[in-house]
Amino acid sequence: MNIKDIKELMDQFDASSLREFSYKNAGTALNFSKNEQTLPIQPELATAPVVELSHPVAPLEEIGTESVVVAEGDLVESPLVGVAYLSPGPNKPAFVSVGDQVKKGQTLLIVEAMKIMNEIPAPKDGLVTEILVANEEVVEFGKGLVRIK
């Protein structure tokens, strides 16, 4: 098995929903796992006290949805499963921010998969209207990352 075959297997594994994969043949053994990432345990949230309101509040049905704003632009989706990084390193500025003008090919963020840092490029020139992920968020294949108008 040559390096090209191994890279192709890695790409297929990254794009799949499999969590682990093993391959053995004539002295060659490969093991892939997506289970190395551990998420921090969230402490239990305290129960909020009940507060009596001095004035009535409109039911949700009456409020309406006019104030909901959806950012314009084309969605840039994650090409693989991994961890999103919005900057090139700790204490470094973000690659892009909402309102930034970007050029086609400019790095928007990085998705780390299997210890490989994959730069996600802008598919076109435009304006960043929305960033849909948080730094160090685990992203799935096809998840929206950024919107560019």
C-alpha atoms as a PDB file:
ATOM      1  CA  MET A   1       0.000   0.000   0.000  1.00  0.00           C
ATOM      2  CA  ASN A   2       1.519   3.319  -1.053  1.00  0.00           C
ATOM      3  CA  ILE A   3       1.103   6.759   0.508  1.00  0.00           C
ATOM      4  CA  LYS A   4      -1.466   7.804  -2.138  1.00  0.00           C
ATOM      5  CA  ASP A   5      -3.706   4.860  -1.160  1.00  0.00           C
ATOM      6  CA  ILE A   6      -3.322   5.709   2.530  1.00  0.00           C
ATOM      7  CA  LYS A   7      -4.223   9.377   1.934  1.00  0.00           C
ATOM      8  CA  GLU A   8      -7.282   8.323  -0.084  1.00  0.00           C
ATOM      9  CA  LEU A   9      -8.401   6.048   2.762  1.00  0.00           C
ATOM     10  CA  MET A  10      -7.897   8.902   5.235  1.00  0.00           C
ATOM     11  CA  ASP A  11     -10.002  11.257   3.100  1.00  0.00           C
ATOM     12  CA  GLN A  12     -12.785   8.686   2.797  1.00  0.00           C
ATOM     13  CA  PHE A  13     -12.653   8.020   6.546  1.00  0.00           C
ATOM     14  CA  ASP A  14     -12.804  11.773   7.322  1.00  0.00           C
ATOM     15  CA  ALA A  15     -15.879  12.176   5.108  1.00  0.00           C
ATOM     16  CA  SER A  16     -17.641   9.144   6.587  1.00  0.00           C
ATOM     17  CA  SER A  17     -19.683   8.800   9.760  1.00  0.00           C
ATOM     18  CA  LEU A  18     -17.422   5.981  10.978  1.00  0.00           C
ATOM     19  CA  ARG A  19     -15.737   6.584  14.357  1.00  0.00           C
ATOM     20  CA  GLU A  20     -13.006   3.917  13.946  1.00  0.00           C
ATOM     21  CA  PHE A  21     -11.441   1.998  11.053  1.00  0.00           C
ATOM     22  CA  SER A  22      -8.789  -0.755  10.996  1.00  0.00           C
ATOM     23  CA  TYR A  23      -7.064  -2.368   8.014  1.00  0.00           C
ATOM     24  CA  LYS A  24      -4.572  -5.276   8.056  1.00  0.00           C
ATOM     25  CA  ASN A  25      -3.004  -6.995   5.062  1.00  0.00           C
ATOM     26  CA  ALA A  26       0.346  -8.758   4.590  1.00  0.00           C
ATOM     27  CA  GLY A  27       2.229  -6.943   7.347  1.00  0.00           C
ATOM     28  CA  THR A  28       0.498  -3.609   6.801  1.00  0.00           C
ATOM     29  CA  ALA A  29      -1.759  -2.345   9.564  1.00  0.00           C
ATOM     30  CA  LEU A  30      -3.687   0.940   9.688  1.00  0.00           C
ATOM     31  CA  ASN A  31      -5.883   2.218  12.505  1.00  0.00           C
ATOM     32  CA  PHE A  32      -7.957   5.414  12.193  1.00  0.00           C
ATOM     33  CA  SER A  33      -9.998   6.827  15.056  1.00  0.00           C
ATOM     34  CA  LYS A  34     -12.075   9.960  15.545  1.00  0.00           C
ATOM     35  CA  ASN A  35     -12.496   9.175  19.240  1.00  0.00           C
ATOM     36  CA  GLU A  36      -9.367  10.994  20.457  1.00  0.00           C
ATOM     37  CA  GLN A  37     -11.189  14.312  20.957  1.00  0.00           C
ATOM     38  CA  THR A  38     -12.654  14.597  24.426  1.00  0.00           C
ATOM     39  CA  LEU A  39     -15.128  17.318  25.181  1.00  0.00           C
ATOM     40  CA  PRO A  40     -15.023  19.057  28.538  1.00  0.00           C
ATOM     41  CA  ILE A  41     -17.694  17.970  30.987  1.00  0.00           C
ATOM     42  CA  GLN A  42     -20.173  20.758  31.587  1.00  0.00           C
ATOM     43  CA  PRO A  43     -21.037  21.356  35.251  1.00  0.00           C
ATOM     44  CA  GLU A  44     -24.703  21.059  36.105  1.00  0.00           C
ATOM     45  CA  LEU A  45     -26.484  24.351  35.862  1.00  0.00           C
ATOM     46  CA  ALA A  46     -28.082  25.674  39.020  1.00  0.00           C
ATOM     47  CA  THR A  47     -31.837  26.059  38.936  1.00  0.00           C
ATOM     48  CA  ALA A  48     -32.810  29.683  38.457  1.00  0.00           C
ATOM     49  CA  PRO A  49     -35.089  31.184  41.089  1.00  0.00           C
ATOM     50  CA  VAL A  50     -38.691  31.941  40.143  1.00  0.00           C
ATOM     51  CA  VAL A  51     -39.253  35.663  39.708  1.00  0.00           C
ATOM     52  CA  GLU A  52     -42.689  37.280  39.845  1.00  0.00           C
ATOM     53  CA  LEU A  53     -43.159  39.947  37.161  1.00  0.00           C
ATOM     54  CA  SER A  54     -44.839  43.208  38.079  1.00  0.00           C
ATOM     55  CA  HIS A  55     -46.227  43.629  34.541  1.00  0.00           C
ATOM     56  CA  PRO A  56     -47.642  41.114  32.042  1.00  0.00           C
ATOM     57  CA  VAL A  57     -45.465  39.745  29.237  1.00  0.00           C
ATOM     58  CA  ALA A  58     -46.900  39.047  25.775  1.00  0.00           C
ATOM     59  CA  PRO A  59     -47.142  35.371  24.858  1.00  0.00           C
ATOM     60  CA  LEU A  60     -44.624  34.212  22.234  1.00  0.00           C
ATOM     61  CA  GLU A  61     -47.339  33.860  19.581  1.00  0.00           C
ATOM     62  CA  GLU A  62     -48.013  37.597  19.790  1.00  0.00           C
ATOM     63  CA  ILE A  63     -44.390  38.737  19.522  1.00  0.00           C
ATOM     64  CA  GLY A  64     -43.922  37.737  15.867  1.00  0.00           C
ATOM     65  CA  THR A  65     -40.754  37.051  13.925  1.00  0.00           C
ATOM     66  CA  GLU A  66     -40.122  40.389  12.210  1.00  0.00           C
ATOM     67  CA  SER A  67     -36.950  40.924  14.253  1.00  0.00           C
ATOM     68  CA  VAL A  68     -35.290  37.690  13.103  1.00  0.00           C
ATOM     69  CA  VAL A  69     -32.481  38.607  10.706  1.00  0.00           C
ATOM     70  CA  VAL A  70     -30.805  36.041   8.490  1.00  0.00           C
ATOM     71  CA  ALA A  71     -27.412  37.055   7.139  1.00  0.00           C
ATOM     72  CA  GLU A  72     -27.102  37.278   3.372  1.00  0.00           C
ATOM     73  CA  GLY A  73     -24.548  35.434   1.310  1.00  0.00           C
ATOM     74  CA  ASP A  74     -23.384  32.043   0.150  1.00  0.00           C
ATOM     75  CA  LEU A  75     -22.674  29.396   2.755  1.00  0.00           C
ATOM     76  CA  VAL A  76     -19.153  27.964   3.004  1.00  0.00           C
ATOM     77  CA  GLU A  77     -19.533  24.423   4.343  1.00  0.00           C
ATOM     78  CA  SER A  78     -17.042  22.183   6.092  1.00  0.00           C
ATOM     79  CA  PRO A  79     -15.524  19.680   3.651  1.00  0.00           C
ATOM     80  CA  LEU A  80     -14.650  17.297   6.494  1.00  0.00           C
ATOM     81  CA  VAL A  81     -15.207  16.360  10.125  1.00  0.00           C
ATOM     82  CA  GLY A  82     -12.841  18.023  12.565  1.00  0.00           C
ATOM     83  CA  VAL A  83     -12.183  20.894  14.954  1.00  0.00           C
ATOM     84  CA  ALA A  84     -12.582  24.452  13.650  1.00  0.00           C
ATOM     85  CA  TYR A  85      -9.963  27.058  14.520  1.00  0.00           C
ATOM     86  CA  LEU A  86     -10.740  30.708  13.735  1.00  0.00           C
ATOM     87  CA  SER A  87      -7.130  31.899  14.151  1.00  0.00           C
ATOM     88  CA  PRO A  88      -3.709  30.504  13.235  1.00  0.00           C
ATOM     89  CA  GLY A  89      -2.791  30.001  16.889  1.00  0.00           C
ATOM     90  CA  PRO A  90      -3.543  30.899  20.491  1.00  0.00           C
ATOM     91  CA  ASN A  91      -3.444  34.645  21.153  1.00  0.00           C
ATOM     92  CA  LYS A  92      -3.341  35.334  17.383  1.00  0.00           C
ATOM     93  CA  PRO A  93      -5.963  37.443  15.568  1.00  0.00           C
ATOM     94  CA  ALA A  94      -8.774  35.648  13.721  1.00  0.00           C
ATOM     95  CA  PHE A  95      -8.296  34.891  10.027  1.00  0.00           C
ATOM     96  CA  VAL A  96     -11.498  36.854   9.265  1.00  0.00           C
ATOM     97  CA  SER A  97     -14.245  38.731  11.098  1.00  0.00           C
ATOM     98  CA  VAL A  98     -17.782  39.715  10.151  1.00  0.00           C
ATOM     99  CA  GLY A  99     -17.548  42.717   7.841  1.00  0.00           C
ATOM    100  CA  ASP A 100     -14.152  41.785   6.365  1.00  0.00           C
ATOM    101  CA  GLN A 101     -13.606  41.852   2.603  1.00  0.00           C
ATOM    102  CA  VAL A 102     -12.029  38.578   1.423  1.00  0.00           C
ATOM    103  CA  LYS A 103     -10.410  37.465  -1.805  1.00  0.00           C
ATOM    104  CA  LYS A 104     -10.977  34.107  -3.472  1.00  0.00           C
ATOM    105  CA  GLY A 105      -8.551  31.585  -1.959  1.00  0.00           C
ATOM    106  CA  GLN A 106      -7.966  33.588   1.253  1.00  0.00           C
ATOM    107  CA  THR A 107      -7.978  31.402   4.388  1.00  0.00           C
ATOM    108  CA  LEU A 108     -11.220  31.770   6.337  1.00  0.00           C
ATOM    109  CA  LEU A 109     -10.417  29.270   9.103  1.00  0.00           C
ATOM    110  CA  ILE A 110      -8.739  25.916   9.720  1.00  0.00           C
ATOM    111  CA  VAL A 111     -10.376  22.535  10.287  1.00  0.00           C
ATOM    112  CA  GLU A 112      -8.090  20.057  12.047  1.00  0.00           C
ATOM    113  CA  ALA A 113      -8.717  16.429  11.176  1.00  0.00           C
ATOM    114  CA  MET A 114      -6.474  13.603  12.342  1.00  0.00           C
ATOM    115  CA  LYS A 115      -3.791  16.100  13.424  1.00  0.00           C
ATOM    116  CA  ILE A 116      -3.715  17.662   9.945  1.00  0.00           C
ATOM    117  CA  MET A 117      -4.526  21.376   9.677  1.00  0.00           C
ATOM    118  CA  ASN A 118      -6.758  21.945   6.631  1.00  0.00           C
ATOM    119  CA  GLU A 119      -7.107  25.573   5.527  1.00  0.00           C
ATOM    120  CA  ILE A 120     -10.623  26.434   4.359  1.00  0.00           C
ATOM    121  CA  PRO A 121     -10.339  28.986   1.524  1.00  0.00           C
ATOM    122  CA  ALA A 122     -12.866  31.605   0.438  1.00  0.00           C
ATOM    123  CA  PRO A 123     -14.639  30.283  -2.677  1.00  0.00           C
ATOM    124  CA  LYS A 124     -15.043  33.814  -4.076  1.00  0.00           C
ATOM    125  CA  ASP A 125     -14.299  37.490  -3.467  1.00  0.00           C
ATOM    126  CA  GLY A 126     -16.819  39.052  -1.128  1.00  0.00           C
ATOM    127  CA  LEU A 127     -17.866  40.320   2.277  1.00  0.00           C
ATOM    128  CA  VAL A 128     -18.014  38.061   5.365  1.00  0.00           C
ATOM    129  CA  THR A 129     -21.588  38.463   6.652  1.00  0.00           C
ATOM    130  CA  GLU A 130     -21.636  35.708   9.272  1.00  0.00           C
ATOM    131  CA  ILE A 131     -19.331  33.309  11.115  1.00  0.00           C
ATOM    132  CA  LEU A 132     -21.352  30.266  12.112  1.00  0.00           C
ATOM    133  CA  VAL A 133     -18.879  28.363  14.314  1.00  0.00           C
ATOM    134  CA  ALA A 134     -16.988  29.053  17.506  1.00  0.00           C
ATOM    135  CA  ASN A 135     -13.252  28.602  17.935  1.00  0.00           C
ATOM    136  CA  GLU A 136     -12.403  24.951  18.734  1.00  0.00           C
ATOM    137  CA  GLU A 137     -15.941  23.799  17.872  1.00  0.00           C
ATOM    138  CA  VAL A 138     -16.248  20.247  16.534  1.00  0.00           C
ATOM    139  CA  VAL A 139     -17.780  20.456  13.050  1.00  0.00           C
ATOM    140  CA  GLU A 140     -19.387  17.795  10.894  1.00  0.00           C
ATOM    141  CA  PHE A 141     -19.110  17.356   7.139  1.00  0.00           C
ATOM    142  CA  GLY A 142     -21.408  19.891   5.444  1.00  0.00           C
ATOM    143  CA  LYS A 143     -21.816  22.156   8.499  1.00  0.00           C
ATOM    144  CA  GLY A 144     -22.028  25.843   7.629  1.00  0.00           C
ATOM    145  CA  LEU A 145     -18.865  27.665   8.666  1.00  0.00           C
ATOM    146  CA  VAL A 146     -19.006  31.159   7.146  1.00  0.00           C
ATOM    147  CA  ARG A 147     -21.334  33.189   4.923  1.00  0.00           C
ATOM    148  CA  ILE A 148     -19.869  35.376   2.151  1.00  0.00           C
ATOM    149  CA  LYS A 149     -21.868  37.922   0.139  1.00  0.00           C
END
